[in-house]
Amino acid sequence: MPRVRFLPSGRSFDLLPNGTLLRAILRAGLPLARSCRGVAVCAACRVRVVDGDDRLAPPGPAEVALAGREPLRKDERYACCARVVGDVTITTTYW
């Protein structure tokens, strides 16, 4: 199972393959901004991928559309859309 690690807390959560970062974050009991409840509308759930960006599935149509309206930096993904296929480490500006 892929493991998502959260900095700076050091918490982690083992996630079924293709689960979203949002699911891992919520299951680990960490706060994450999200006004649309994870349906790729609000862009509030952006996270920074510290390690393992190559272990996230490529952005799907919903994430591409959202990034067209609310651009991401190179090391960012939307947690509600990013699907985990291997171990990753993430953070946000407010953890």
C-alpha atoms as a PDB file:
ATOM      1  CA  MET A   1       0.000   0.000   0.000  1.00  0.00           C
ATOM      2  CA  PRO A   2       1.270   3.472  -0.790  1.00  0.00           C
ATOM      3  CA  ARG A   3       2.145   5.609   2.213  1.00  0.00           C
ATOM      4  CA  VAL A   4       1.448   9.347   2.354  1.00  0.00           C
ATOM      5  CA  ARG A   5       3.698  11.215   4.783  1.00  0.00           C
ATOM      6  CA  PHE A   6       2.810  14.669   6.054  1.00  0.00           C
ATOM      7  CA  LEU A   7       5.355  17.324   6.984  1.00  0.00           C
ATOM      8  CA  PRO A   8       6.132  18.814   9.417  1.00  0.00           C
ATOM      9  CA  SER A   9       4.004  16.559  11.663  1.00  0.00           C
ATOM     10  CA  GLY A  10       5.662  13.336  10.555  1.00  0.00           C
ATOM     11  CA  ARG A  11       2.262  11.609  10.531  1.00  0.00           C
ATOM     12  CA  SER A  12       1.591   9.157   7.763  1.00  0.00           C
ATOM     13  CA  PHE A  13      -1.279   7.157   6.360  1.00  0.00           C
ATOM     14  CA  ASP A  14      -1.291   3.986   4.245  1.00  0.00           C
ATOM     15  CA  LEU A  15      -3.735   4.380   1.403  1.00  0.00           C
ATOM     16  CA  LEU A  16      -5.169   1.950  -1.101  1.00  0.00           C
ATOM     17  CA  PRO A  17      -3.646   2.490  -4.562  1.00  0.00           C
ATOM     18  CA  ASN A  18      -5.393   5.253  -6.530  1.00  0.00           C
ATOM     19  CA  GLY A  19      -6.874   6.796  -3.394  1.00  0.00           C
ATOM     20  CA  THR A  20      -6.704  10.584  -3.285  1.00  0.00           C
ATOM     21  CA  LEU A  21      -4.405  12.723  -1.215  1.00  0.00           C
ATOM     22  CA  LEU A  22      -7.531  14.288   0.279  1.00  0.00           C
ATOM     23  CA  ARG A  23      -8.675  10.931   1.627  1.00  0.00           C
ATOM     24  CA  ALA A  24      -5.263  10.282   3.185  1.00  0.00           C
ATOM     25  CA  ILE A  25      -5.183  13.743   4.779  1.00  0.00           C
ATOM     26  CA  LEU A  26      -8.632  13.402   6.307  1.00  0.00           C
ATOM     27  CA  ARG A  27      -7.991   9.841   7.507  1.00  0.00           C
ATOM     28  CA  ALA A  28      -4.769  11.035   9.161  1.00  0.00           C
ATOM     29  CA  GLY A  29      -6.805  13.642  11.059  1.00  0.00           C
ATOM     30  CA  LEU A  30      -5.127  16.667   9.529  1.00  0.00           C
ATOM     31  CA  PRO A  31      -6.972  19.840   8.533  1.00  0.00           C
ATOM     32  CA  LEU A  32      -7.237  20.810   4.887  1.00  0.00           C
ATOM     33  CA  ALA A  33      -9.058  23.728   3.317  1.00  0.00           C
ATOM     34  CA  ARG A  34     -11.836  22.579   0.998  1.00  0.00           C
ATOM     35  CA  SER A  35     -15.073  24.445   0.523  1.00  0.00           C
ATOM     36  CA  CYS A  36     -16.349  22.275  -2.338  1.00  0.00           C
ATOM     37  CA  ARG A  37     -16.056  19.042  -0.331  1.00  0.00           C
ATOM     38  CA  GLY A  38     -13.551  17.554  -2.725  1.00  0.00           C
ATOM     39  CA  VAL A  39     -15.242  17.836  -6.098  1.00  0.00           C
ATOM     40  CA  ALA A  40     -12.534  19.875  -7.894  1.00  0.00           C
ATOM     41  CA  VAL A  41     -14.249  23.260  -7.859  1.00  0.00           C
ATOM     42  CA  CYS A  42     -12.764  25.510  -5.162  1.00  0.00           C
ATOM     43  CA  ALA A  43      -8.970  25.002  -5.547  1.00  0.00           C
ATOM     44  CA  ALA A  44      -8.525  25.393  -1.778  1.00  0.00           C
ATOM     45  CA  CYS A  45      -7.033  21.929  -1.265  1.00  0.00           C
ATOM     46  CA  ARG A  46      -3.728  22.581  -2.999  1.00  0.00           C
ATOM     47  CA  VAL A  47      -0.781  20.876  -1.355  1.00  0.00           C
ATOM     48  CA  ARG A  48       2.946  20.924  -2.057  1.00  0.00           C
ATOM     49  CA  VAL A  49       4.509  17.607  -3.034  1.00  0.00           C
ATOM     50  CA  VAL A  50       7.845  17.429  -1.216  1.00  0.00           C
ATOM     51  CA  ASP A  51       8.796  13.984  -2.503  1.00  0.00           C
ATOM     52  CA  GLY A  52       7.219  11.488  -4.858  1.00  0.00           C
ATOM     53  CA  ASP A  53       5.527  13.614  -7.504  1.00  0.00           C
ATOM     54  CA  ASP A  54       6.302  10.774  -9.909  1.00  0.00           C
ATOM     55  CA  ARG A  55       4.268   8.476  -7.642  1.00  0.00           C
ATOM     56  CA  LEU A  56       1.056  10.405  -8.213  1.00  0.00           C
ATOM     57  CA  ALA A  57      -1.128   9.579 -11.199  1.00  0.00           C
ATOM     58  CA  PRO A  58      -1.041  12.228 -13.946  1.00  0.00           C
ATOM     59  CA  PRO A  59      -3.690  14.935 -13.580  1.00  0.00           C
ATOM     60  CA  GLY A  60      -7.085  13.861 -14.844  1.00  0.00           C
ATOM     61  CA  PRO A  61      -9.604  16.041 -16.699  1.00  0.00           C
ATOM     62  CA  ALA A  62     -11.078  17.614 -13.536  1.00  0.00           C
ATOM     63  CA  GLU A  63      -7.662  18.615 -12.188  1.00  0.00           C
ATOM     64  CA  VAL A  64      -6.539  19.955 -15.565  1.00  0.00           C
ATOM     65  CA  ALA A  65      -9.709  22.050 -15.821  1.00  0.00           C
ATOM     66  CA  LEU A  66      -9.307  23.366 -12.269  1.00  0.00           C
ATOM     67  CA  ALA A  67      -5.634  24.198 -12.852  1.00  0.00           C
ATOM     68  CA  GLY A  68      -6.716  26.124 -15.951  1.00  0.00           C
ATOM     69  CA  ARG A  69      -8.743  28.427 -13.712  1.00  0.00           C
ATOM     70  CA  GLU A  70      -6.483  28.333 -10.626  1.00  0.00           C
ATOM     71  CA  PRO A  71      -2.926  27.580 -11.793  1.00  0.00           C
ATOM     72  CA  LEU A  72      -0.664  25.387  -9.692  1.00  0.00           C
ATOM     73  CA  ARG A  73       3.056  25.766  -9.106  1.00  0.00           C
ATOM     74  CA  LYS A  74       5.242  22.997 -10.476  1.00  0.00           C
ATOM     75  CA  ASP A  75       5.403  21.201  -7.106  1.00  0.00           C
ATOM     76  CA  GLU A  76       1.689  21.521  -6.247  1.00  0.00           C
ATOM     77  CA  ARG A  77      -1.356  19.327  -6.768  1.00  0.00           C
ATOM     78  CA  TYR A  78      -4.996  19.494  -5.743  1.00  0.00           C
ATOM     79  CA  ALA A  79      -5.508  16.966  -2.947  1.00  0.00           C
ATOM     80  CA  CYS A  80      -9.053  16.117  -4.039  1.00  0.00           C
ATOM     81  CA  CYS A  81      -7.815  15.075  -7.478  1.00  0.00           C
ATOM     82  CA  ALA A  82      -4.298  13.711  -6.999  1.00  0.00           C
ATOM     83  CA  ARG A  83      -4.361   9.920  -6.958  1.00  0.00           C
ATOM     84  CA  VAL A  84      -1.581   8.126  -5.100  1.00  0.00           C
ATOM     85  CA  VAL A  85       0.197   5.198  -6.772  1.00  0.00           C
ATOM     86  CA  GLY A  86       3.313   5.087  -4.559  1.00  0.00           C
ATOM     87  CA  ASP A  87       4.843   6.664  -1.471  1.00  0.00           C
ATOM     88  CA  VAL A  88       4.649  10.475  -1.355  1.00  0.00           C
ATOM     89  CA  THR A  89       5.421  13.244   1.106  1.00  0.00           C
ATOM     90  CA  ILE A  90       3.344  16.417   1.151  1.00  0.00           C
ATOM     91  CA  THR A  91       2.896  19.646   3.100  1.00  0.00           C
ATOM     92  CA  THR A  92       0.830  22.829   3.049  1.00  0.00           C
ATOM     93  CA  THR A  93       1.589  26.387   4.068  1.00  0.00           C
ATOM     94  CA  TYR A  94      -0.448  26.041   7.282  1.00  0.00           C
ATOM     95  CA  TRP A  95       0.586  22.706   8.801  1.00  0.00           C
END
